[in-house]
């Protein structure tokens, strides 16, 4: 089993977009683990994760064959305190690479500190048990719950906000 020290993590590049967009759209199609409900085009993926006005970073973890297997984006968002950014972590639904999330967060955390941020916010659907466990394992702590946030299909799902102080 690979550990975080053997996983290659690097900034996302334009040539990664089709693969990252494909597995993010598969995650959206499967449902239950992301707040994103509308599939991305390559163009909307770039504008959201790589070039948006709040862009801070986007790192990719590669599998043993050099293919992207997970990515983590960090962006400044309205509604967050000054010096905070939102994080999103996505791993391909099949053939997950153990340790990829830990390796990604090490790179994201270092970049966030270098960028002068003071905290990272993760807002997770309450039904995303894996996401809640991941961010807890990385050291995030709960600080807010938004009750009964409606999904596009009308279902109500709480959102749990966790923070990591840098």
N, C-alpha and C. Protein backbone atom coordinates (compact mmCIF):
# COMPACT_ATOMS: atom_id res chain seq x y z
N UNK A 1 0.85 -1.19 0.00
CA UNK A 1 0.00 0.00 0.00
C UNK A 1 0.89 1.24 0.00
N UNK A 2 0.54 2.23 -0.85
CA UNK A 2 1.30 3.47 -0.93
C UNK A 2 1.03 4.32 0.30
N UNK A 3 2.01 5.14 0.65
CA UNK A 3 1.75 6.12 1.69
C UNK A 3 1.96 7.51 1.09
N UNK A 4 1.65 8.55 1.88
CA UNK A 4 1.66 9.91 1.37
C UNK A 4 3.04 10.31 0.85
N UNK A 5 4.10 9.71 1.35
CA UNK A 5 5.44 10.11 0.90
C UNK A 5 5.76 9.57 -0.49
N UNK A 6 5.03 8.58 -0.99
CA UNK A 6 5.32 8.02 -2.31
C UNK A 6 4.33 8.49 -3.37
N UNK A 7 3.38 9.29 -3.01
CA UNK A 7 2.37 9.77 -3.96
C UNK A 7 2.82 11.10 -4.53
N UNK A 8 2.86 11.19 -5.85
CA UNK A 8 3.25 12.44 -6.49
C UNK A 8 2.08 13.42 -6.46
N UNK A 9 2.31 14.59 -5.88
CA UNK A 9 1.32 15.67 -5.84
C UNK A 9 1.94 16.87 -6.53
N UNK A 10 1.15 17.50 -7.39
CA UNK A 10 1.65 18.65 -8.15
C UNK A 10 0.47 19.57 -8.46
N UNK A 11 0.78 20.82 -8.85
CA UNK A 11 -0.31 21.71 -9.25
C UNK A 11 -1.05 21.14 -10.47
N UNK A 12 -2.35 21.35 -10.49
CA UNK A 12 -3.16 20.92 -11.64
C UNK A 12 -2.73 21.69 -12.88
N UNK A 13 -2.80 21.01 -14.03
CA UNK A 13 -2.44 21.61 -15.31
C UNK A 13 -3.63 21.49 -16.27
N UNK A 14 -3.61 22.28 -17.31
CA UNK A 14 -4.70 22.27 -18.29
C UNK A 14 -4.96 20.88 -18.84
N UNK A 15 -3.89 20.10 -19.08
CA UNK A 15 -4.09 18.76 -19.66
C UNK A 15 -4.75 17.78 -18.68
N UNK A 16 -4.85 18.15 -17.40
CA UNK A 16 -5.53 17.31 -16.41
C UNK A 16 -7.05 17.47 -16.46
N UNK A 17 -7.51 18.56 -17.02
CA UNK A 17 -8.93 18.92 -16.92
C UNK A 17 -9.87 17.82 -17.40
N UNK A 18 -9.67 17.20 -18.58
CA UNK A 18 -10.63 16.17 -18.98
C UNK A 18 -10.75 15.02 -17.97
N UNK A 19 -9.64 14.55 -17.42
CA UNK A 19 -9.69 13.45 -16.45
C UNK A 19 -10.34 13.90 -15.14
N UNK A 20 -9.95 15.08 -14.64
CA UNK A 20 -10.52 15.57 -13.38
C UNK A 20 -12.01 15.84 -13.52
N UNK A 21 -12.39 16.44 -14.63
CA UNK A 21 -13.79 16.74 -14.89
C UNK A 21 -14.59 15.44 -15.01
N UNK A 22 -14.04 14.44 -15.66
CA UNK A 22 -14.75 13.16 -15.83
C UNK A 22 -15.01 12.51 -14.48
N UNK A 23 -14.00 12.43 -13.60
CA UNK A 23 -14.32 11.74 -12.35
C UNK A 23 -15.13 12.61 -11.40
N UNK A 24 -15.02 13.94 -11.47
CA UNK A 24 -15.91 14.78 -10.67
C UNK A 24 -17.35 14.60 -11.14
N UNK A 25 -17.57 14.56 -12.45
CA UNK A 25 -18.93 14.36 -12.96
C UNK A 25 -19.47 12.98 -12.58
N UNK A 26 -18.61 11.98 -12.50
CA UNK A 26 -19.06 10.67 -12.05
C UNK A 26 -19.48 10.74 -10.58
N UNK A 27 -18.73 11.46 -9.76
CA UNK A 27 -19.09 11.65 -8.35
C UNK A 27 -20.45 12.34 -8.24
N UNK A 28 -20.66 13.38 -9.05
CA UNK A 28 -21.94 14.09 -9.05
C UNK A 28 -23.06 13.14 -9.47
N UNK A 29 -22.83 12.35 -10.51
CA UNK A 29 -23.85 11.41 -11.00
C UNK A 29 -24.21 10.39 -9.93
N UNK A 30 -23.21 9.84 -9.24
CA UNK A 30 -23.45 8.87 -8.17
C UNK A 30 -24.24 9.51 -7.04
N UNK A 31 -23.88 10.74 -6.68
CA UNK A 31 -24.60 11.51 -5.65
C UNK A 31 -24.19 11.17 -4.24
N UNK A 32 -24.51 12.08 -3.34
CA UNK A 32 -24.35 11.85 -1.92
C UNK A 32 -23.04 12.28 -1.29
N UNK A 33 -22.05 12.67 -2.12
CA UNK A 33 -20.77 13.02 -1.51
C UNK A 33 -20.23 14.38 -1.94
N UNK A 34 -21.01 15.15 -2.66
CA UNK A 34 -20.58 16.50 -3.01
C UNK A 34 -21.77 17.43 -3.02
N UNK A 35 -21.51 18.69 -2.70
CA UNK A 35 -22.56 19.70 -2.78
C UNK A 35 -22.83 20.08 -4.23
N UNK A 36 -21.88 19.79 -5.13
CA UNK A 36 -22.09 20.06 -6.56
C UNK A 36 -23.16 19.12 -7.08
N UNK A 37 -24.14 19.69 -7.77
CA UNK A 37 -25.22 18.87 -8.31
C UNK A 37 -25.32 18.96 -9.83
N UNK A 38 -24.64 19.91 -10.43
CA UNK A 38 -24.67 20.11 -11.87
C UNK A 38 -23.33 19.68 -12.45
N UNK A 39 -23.35 18.80 -13.44
CA UNK A 39 -22.08 18.37 -14.06
C UNK A 39 -21.31 19.55 -14.64
N UNK A 40 -20.00 19.39 -14.68
CA UNK A 40 -19.10 20.40 -15.21
C UNK A 40 -18.74 20.09 -16.66
N UNK A 41 -18.59 21.14 -17.45
CA UNK A 41 -17.91 21.02 -18.75
C UNK A 41 -16.44 21.29 -18.46
N UNK A 42 -15.57 21.00 -19.41
CA UNK A 42 -14.16 21.34 -19.21
C UNK A 42 -14.01 22.83 -18.92
N UNK A 43 -14.76 23.67 -19.63
CA UNK A 43 -14.66 25.12 -19.46
C UNK A 43 -15.15 25.55 -18.08
N UNK A 44 -16.28 25.01 -17.62
CA UNK A 44 -16.78 25.41 -16.30
C UNK A 44 -15.87 24.87 -15.19
N UNK A 45 -15.25 23.71 -15.43
CA UNK A 45 -14.29 23.18 -14.46
C UNK A 45 -13.12 24.14 -14.30
N UNK A 46 -12.56 24.58 -15.42
CA UNK A 46 -11.42 25.52 -15.39
C UNK A 46 -11.81 26.79 -14.65
N UNK A 47 -12.97 27.36 -14.98
CA UNK A 47 -13.35 28.63 -14.35
C UNK A 47 -13.64 28.45 -12.86
N UNK A 48 -14.08 27.28 -12.44
CA UNK A 48 -14.38 27.06 -11.02
C UNK A 48 -13.14 26.68 -10.22
N UNK A 49 -12.33 25.76 -10.74
CA UNK A 49 -11.23 25.20 -9.95
C UNK A 49 -9.84 25.74 -10.27
N UNK A 50 -9.66 26.34 -11.45
CA UNK A 50 -8.30 26.72 -11.85
C UNK A 50 -8.09 28.20 -12.12
N UNK A 51 -9.16 28.94 -12.41
CA UNK A 51 -8.96 30.33 -12.80
C UNK A 51 -9.98 31.29 -12.21
N UNK A 52 -10.82 30.84 -11.31
CA UNK A 52 -11.86 31.71 -10.77
C UNK A 52 -11.28 32.86 -9.98
N UNK A 53 -12.11 33.86 -9.70
CA UNK A 53 -11.62 35.05 -8.99
C UNK A 53 -11.10 34.73 -7.58
N UNK A 54 -11.58 33.67 -6.96
CA UNK A 54 -11.13 33.30 -5.63
C UNK A 54 -10.04 32.25 -5.61
N UNK A 55 -9.53 31.86 -6.79
CA UNK A 55 -8.56 30.78 -6.90
C UNK A 55 -7.37 30.99 -5.97
N UNK A 56 -7.05 29.95 -5.19
CA UNK A 56 -5.84 29.93 -4.37
C UNK A 56 -4.92 28.82 -4.86
N UNK A 57 -5.47 27.60 -4.99
CA UNK A 57 -4.65 26.48 -5.47
C UNK A 57 -5.53 25.33 -5.92
N UNK A 58 -4.94 24.46 -6.72
CA UNK A 58 -5.57 23.19 -7.08
C UNK A 58 -4.43 22.20 -7.29
N UNK A 59 -4.39 21.19 -6.44
CA UNK A 59 -3.35 20.18 -6.51
C UNK A 59 -3.94 18.85 -6.96
N UNK A 60 -3.13 18.09 -7.68
CA UNK A 60 -3.51 16.78 -8.21
C UNK A 60 -2.61 15.72 -7.59
N UNK A 61 -3.19 14.59 -7.22
CA UNK A 61 -2.41 13.41 -6.83
C UNK A 61 -2.44 12.45 -8.02
N UNK A 62 -1.28 11.88 -8.32
CA UNK A 62 -1.16 10.94 -9.44
C UNK A 62 -1.04 9.52 -8.93
N UNK A 63 -1.62 8.58 -9.67
CA UNK A 63 -1.45 7.17 -9.35
C UNK A 63 -0.10 6.70 -9.89
N UNK A 64 0.20 5.42 -9.75
CA UNK A 64 1.48 4.87 -10.16
C UNK A 64 1.78 5.00 -11.64
N UNK A 65 0.73 5.17 -12.45
CA UNK A 65 0.95 5.33 -13.89
C UNK A 65 0.99 6.80 -14.31
N UNK A 66 0.98 7.70 -13.32
CA UNK A 66 1.04 9.14 -13.62
C UNK A 66 -0.29 9.76 -13.97
N UNK A 67 -1.39 9.02 -13.77
CA UNK A 67 -2.73 9.54 -14.07
C UNK A 67 -3.31 10.22 -12.83
N UNK A 68 -4.02 11.35 -13.00
CA UNK A 68 -4.67 11.98 -11.86
C UNK A 68 -5.68 11.03 -11.22
N UNK A 69 -5.60 10.90 -9.90
CA UNK A 69 -6.55 10.03 -9.18
C UNK A 69 -7.34 10.80 -8.13
N UNK A 70 -6.91 12.01 -7.82
CA UNK A 70 -7.62 12.85 -6.85
C UNK A 70 -7.15 14.28 -7.03
N UNK A 71 -7.98 15.22 -6.61
CA UNK A 71 -7.54 16.62 -6.62
C UNK A 71 -8.18 17.37 -5.47
N UNK A 72 -7.55 18.49 -5.13
CA UNK A 72 -8.02 19.30 -4.00
C UNK A 72 -7.88 20.76 -4.40
N UNK A 73 -9.00 21.47 -4.34
CA UNK A 73 -9.01 22.88 -4.68
C UNK A 73 -9.21 23.74 -3.45
N UNK A 74 -8.66 24.93 -3.51
CA UNK A 74 -8.77 25.91 -2.43
C UNK A 74 -9.13 27.24 -3.06
N UNK A 75 -10.21 27.88 -2.54
CA UNK A 75 -10.63 29.15 -3.10
C UNK A 75 -11.20 30.06 -2.01
N UNK A 76 -10.95 31.35 -2.19
CA UNK A 76 -11.57 32.35 -1.32
C UNK A 76 -13.02 32.49 -1.76
N UNK A 77 -13.92 32.62 -0.77
CA UNK A 77 -15.35 32.72 -1.08
C UNK A 77 -15.99 33.84 -0.28
N UNK A 78 -17.01 34.44 -0.87
CA UNK A 78 -17.80 35.41 -0.12
C UNK A 78 -18.43 34.70 1.06
N UNK A 79 -18.57 35.39 2.16
CA UNK A 79 -19.20 34.81 3.33
C UNK A 79 -18.23 34.19 4.32
N UNK A 80 -16.98 34.05 3.93
CA UNK A 80 -15.97 33.54 4.86
C UNK A 80 -15.20 34.71 5.46
N UNK A 81 -14.69 34.55 6.68
CA UNK A 81 -13.87 35.62 7.26
C UNK A 81 -12.63 35.91 6.41
N UNK A 82 -12.11 37.09 6.56
CA UNK A 82 -10.86 37.48 5.89
C UNK A 82 -9.77 36.47 6.25
N UNK A 83 -9.00 36.04 5.26
CA UNK A 83 -7.90 35.11 5.51
C UNK A 83 -8.30 33.64 5.49
N UNK A 84 -9.57 33.37 5.20
CA UNK A 84 -10.06 31.99 5.12
C UNK A 84 -10.26 31.61 3.65
N UNK A 85 -10.23 30.31 3.38
CA UNK A 85 -10.56 29.80 2.05
C UNK A 85 -11.32 28.49 2.19
N UNK A 86 -12.13 28.19 1.18
CA UNK A 86 -12.88 26.93 1.13
C UNK A 86 -12.04 25.85 0.46
N UNK A 87 -12.17 24.63 0.94
CA UNK A 87 -11.47 23.49 0.37
C UNK A 87 -12.49 22.50 -0.19
N UNK A 88 -12.11 21.84 -1.25
CA UNK A 88 -12.90 20.75 -1.82
C UNK A 88 -11.94 19.65 -2.24
N UNK A 89 -12.27 18.42 -1.89
CA UNK A 89 -11.40 17.27 -2.18
C UNK A 89 -12.22 16.23 -2.94
N UNK A 90 -11.66 15.73 -4.03
CA UNK A 90 -12.38 14.79 -4.88
C UNK A 90 -11.43 13.68 -5.31
N UNK A 91 -11.87 12.44 -5.15
CA UNK A 91 -11.08 11.28 -5.58
C UNK A 91 -11.92 10.48 -6.56
N UNK A 92 -11.27 9.92 -7.57
CA UNK A 92 -12.02 9.11 -8.53
C UNK A 92 -12.76 8.02 -7.74
N UNK A 93 -13.98 7.74 -8.15
CA UNK A 93 -14.80 6.80 -7.38
C UNK A 93 -14.27 5.36 -7.37
N UNK A 94 -13.51 4.99 -8.39
CA UNK A 94 -13.01 3.62 -8.48
C UNK A 94 -11.49 3.66 -8.42
N UNK A 95 -10.88 2.64 -7.89
CA UNK A 95 -9.42 2.53 -7.80
C UNK A 95 -8.82 3.70 -7.04
N UNK A 96 -9.38 3.97 -5.87
CA UNK A 96 -8.84 5.03 -5.02
C UNK A 96 -7.43 4.67 -4.58
N UNK A 97 -6.62 5.68 -4.37
CA UNK A 97 -5.24 5.49 -3.97
C UNK A 97 -5.10 5.86 -2.49
N UNK A 98 -4.90 4.87 -1.61
CA UNK A 98 -4.75 5.18 -0.18
C UNK A 98 -3.62 6.17 0.05
N UNK A 99 -3.89 7.18 0.84
CA UNK A 99 -2.90 8.20 1.16
C UNK A 99 -2.96 9.42 0.27
N UNK A 100 -3.73 9.36 -0.83
CA UNK A 100 -3.79 10.51 -1.74
C UNK A 100 -4.35 11.75 -1.04
N UNK A 101 -5.40 11.59 -0.26
CA UNK A 101 -5.99 12.74 0.44
C UNK A 101 -5.04 13.37 1.44
N UNK A 102 -4.29 12.55 2.14
CA UNK A 102 -3.30 13.06 3.10
C UNK A 102 -2.19 13.81 2.37
N UNK A 103 -1.73 13.26 1.26
CA UNK A 103 -0.68 13.93 0.48
C UNK A 103 -1.19 15.24 -0.11
N UNK A 104 -2.42 15.25 -0.61
CA UNK A 104 -2.99 16.48 -1.15
C UNK A 104 -3.09 17.55 -0.07
N UNK A 105 -3.58 17.16 1.11
CA UNK A 105 -3.76 18.17 2.15
C UNK A 105 -2.43 18.74 2.62
N UNK A 106 -1.38 17.95 2.64
CA UNK A 106 -0.05 18.47 3.00
C UNK A 106 0.35 19.59 2.03
N UNK A 107 0.14 19.38 0.74
CA UNK A 107 0.49 20.40 -0.26
C UNK A 107 -0.41 21.62 -0.14
N UNK A 108 -1.71 21.39 0.01
CA UNK A 108 -2.67 22.49 0.12
C UNK A 108 -2.39 23.33 1.36
N UNK A 109 -2.17 22.66 2.48
CA UNK A 109 -1.91 23.37 3.74
C UNK A 109 -0.65 24.24 3.63
N UNK A 110 0.42 23.70 3.06
CA UNK A 110 1.66 24.46 2.91
C UNK A 110 1.43 25.68 2.00
N UNK A 111 0.71 25.47 0.90
CA UNK A 111 0.43 26.57 -0.02
C UNK A 111 -0.43 27.64 0.66
N UNK A 112 -1.44 27.21 1.42
CA UNK A 112 -2.32 28.15 2.12
C UNK A 112 -1.53 29.01 3.09
N UNK A 113 -0.63 28.39 3.83
CA UNK A 113 0.22 29.16 4.76
C UNK A 113 1.08 30.16 3.99
N UNK A 114 1.69 29.70 2.90
CA UNK A 114 2.53 30.59 2.09
C UNK A 114 1.72 31.75 1.49
N UNK A 115 0.45 31.51 1.23
CA UNK A 115 -0.43 32.54 0.66
C UNK A 115 -0.96 33.49 1.74
N UNK A 116 -0.60 33.25 3.00
CA UNK A 116 -1.01 34.13 4.08
C UNK A 116 -2.39 33.85 4.65
N UNK A 117 -2.97 32.71 4.32
CA UNK A 117 -4.28 32.37 4.89
C UNK A 117 -4.14 32.01 6.36
N UNK A 118 -5.23 32.17 7.09
CA UNK A 118 -5.22 31.85 8.52
C UNK A 118 -6.07 30.63 8.86
N UNK A 119 -6.99 30.26 7.94
CA UNK A 119 -7.85 29.09 8.20
C UNK A 119 -8.39 28.55 6.89
N UNK A 120 -8.74 27.26 6.93
CA UNK A 120 -9.37 26.59 5.80
C UNK A 120 -10.72 26.08 6.26
N UNK A 121 -11.74 26.33 5.46
CA UNK A 121 -13.11 25.89 5.74
C UNK A 121 -13.47 24.72 4.84
N UNK A 122 -14.08 23.70 5.43
CA UNK A 122 -14.66 22.59 4.67
C UNK A 122 -16.13 22.52 5.06
N UNK A 123 -17.01 22.67 4.08
CA UNK A 123 -18.44 22.52 4.34
C UNK A 123 -18.88 21.24 3.63
N UNK A 124 -19.40 20.30 4.42
CA UNK A 124 -19.66 18.95 3.94
C UNK A 124 -21.13 18.60 4.17
N UNK A 125 -21.72 17.93 3.19
CA UNK A 125 -23.07 17.42 3.39
C UNK A 125 -23.05 16.43 4.56
N UNK A 126 -24.06 16.51 5.40
CA UNK A 126 -24.12 15.63 6.58
C UNK A 126 -24.23 14.16 6.19
N UNK A 127 -24.71 13.87 4.98
CA UNK A 127 -24.82 12.48 4.53
C UNK A 127 -23.53 11.98 3.88
N UNK A 128 -22.50 12.81 3.83
CA UNK A 128 -21.20 12.43 3.26
C UNK A 128 -20.30 11.95 4.41
N UNK A 129 -20.54 10.75 4.85
CA UNK A 129 -19.83 10.19 6.00
C UNK A 129 -18.32 10.12 5.73
N UNK A 130 -17.93 9.72 4.52
CA UNK A 130 -16.52 9.64 4.18
C UNK A 130 -15.84 10.99 4.21
N UNK A 131 -16.51 12.02 3.69
CA UNK A 131 -15.94 13.36 3.70
C UNK A 131 -15.77 13.91 5.10
N UNK A 132 -16.77 13.68 5.94
CA UNK A 132 -16.68 14.13 7.33
C UNK A 132 -15.52 13.43 8.03
N UNK A 133 -15.38 12.14 7.81
CA UNK A 133 -14.27 11.39 8.43
C UNK A 133 -12.92 11.88 7.91
N UNK A 134 -12.83 12.14 6.60
CA UNK A 134 -11.57 12.60 6.02
C UNK A 134 -11.13 13.92 6.65
N UNK A 135 -12.01 14.91 6.66
CA UNK A 135 -11.62 16.21 7.19
C UNK A 135 -11.34 16.14 8.69
N UNK A 136 -12.06 15.31 9.42
CA UNK A 136 -11.75 15.12 10.85
C UNK A 136 -10.36 14.52 11.01
N UNK A 137 -10.03 13.53 10.19
CA UNK A 137 -8.70 12.90 10.25
C UNK A 137 -7.59 13.91 9.95
N UNK A 138 -7.87 14.88 9.06
CA UNK A 138 -6.88 15.89 8.70
C UNK A 138 -6.74 16.96 9.79
N UNK A 139 -7.61 16.92 10.81
CA UNK A 139 -7.51 17.88 11.92
C UNK A 139 -8.53 19.00 11.90
N UNK A 140 -9.49 18.94 11.00
CA UNK A 140 -10.55 19.96 10.97
C UNK A 140 -11.50 19.72 12.14
N UNK A 141 -12.05 20.81 12.69
CA UNK A 141 -13.01 20.71 13.80
C UNK A 141 -14.31 21.40 13.41
N UNK A 142 -15.43 20.84 13.86
CA UNK A 142 -16.74 21.40 13.59
C UNK A 142 -16.87 22.78 14.22
N UNK A 143 -17.52 23.70 13.50
CA UNK A 143 -17.82 24.99 14.11
C UNK A 143 -19.22 25.51 13.75
N UNK A 144 -19.89 24.88 12.79
CA UNK A 144 -21.23 25.33 12.44
C UNK A 144 -21.98 24.23 11.70
N UNK A 145 -23.30 24.19 11.88
CA UNK A 145 -24.16 23.31 11.11
C UNK A 145 -25.28 24.16 10.52
N UNK A 146 -25.43 24.08 9.20
CA UNK A 146 -26.55 24.72 8.52
C UNK A 146 -27.60 23.63 8.33
N UNK A 147 -28.74 23.81 8.97
CA UNK A 147 -29.79 22.80 8.97
C UNK A 147 -30.61 22.84 7.69
N UNK A 148 -30.96 21.66 7.20
CA UNK A 148 -31.97 21.47 6.15
C UNK A 148 -31.72 22.33 4.91
N UNK A 149 -30.55 22.22 4.34
CA UNK A 149 -30.24 22.93 3.09
C UNK A 149 -30.84 22.11 1.95
N UNK A 150 -31.69 22.75 1.11
CA UNK A 150 -32.35 21.97 0.05
C UNK A 150 -31.40 21.62 -1.10
N UNK A 151 -31.56 20.39 -1.57
CA UNK A 151 -30.89 19.95 -2.80
C UNK A 151 -31.80 20.28 -3.97
N UNK A 152 -31.29 20.14 -5.20
CA UNK A 152 -32.09 20.43 -6.38
C UNK A 152 -33.36 19.58 -6.44
N UNK A 153 -33.30 18.35 -5.90
CA UNK A 153 -34.48 17.48 -5.94
C UNK A 153 -35.44 17.72 -4.78
N UNK A 154 -35.14 18.73 -3.95
CA UNK A 154 -36.03 19.07 -2.85
C UNK A 154 -35.68 18.44 -1.51
N UNK A 155 -34.82 17.41 -1.52
CA UNK A 155 -34.40 16.81 -0.25
C UNK A 155 -33.66 17.84 0.59
N UNK A 156 -33.81 17.72 1.90
CA UNK A 156 -33.15 18.63 2.82
C UNK A 156 -31.99 17.89 3.48
N UNK A 157 -30.80 18.48 3.41
CA UNK A 157 -29.60 17.86 3.99
C UNK A 157 -28.84 18.92 4.76
N UNK A 158 -28.48 18.59 6.00
CA UNK A 158 -27.66 19.52 6.78
C UNK A 158 -26.28 19.64 6.14
N UNK A 159 -25.65 20.79 6.36
CA UNK A 159 -24.27 21.03 5.94
C UNK A 159 -23.45 21.28 7.21
N UNK A 160 -22.36 20.55 7.35
CA UNK A 160 -21.48 20.68 8.51
C UNK A 160 -20.25 21.45 8.06
N UNK A 161 -19.95 22.54 8.74
CA UNK A 161 -18.75 23.31 8.44
C UNK A 161 -17.69 23.00 9.47
N UNK A 162 -16.50 22.69 8.96
CA UNK A 162 -15.35 22.36 9.79
C UNK A 162 -14.22 23.33 9.41
N UNK A 163 -13.39 23.67 10.37
CA UNK A 163 -12.29 24.58 10.07
C UNK A 163 -10.97 23.99 10.51
N UNK A 164 -9.94 24.40 9.80
CA UNK A 164 -8.57 24.03 10.12
C UNK A 164 -7.80 25.34 10.27
N UNK A 165 -7.31 25.61 11.47
CA UNK A 165 -6.56 26.84 11.71
C UNK A 165 -5.11 26.63 11.31
N UNK A 166 -4.59 27.55 10.51
CA UNK A 166 -3.21 27.43 10.02
C UNK A 166 -2.22 28.06 10.98
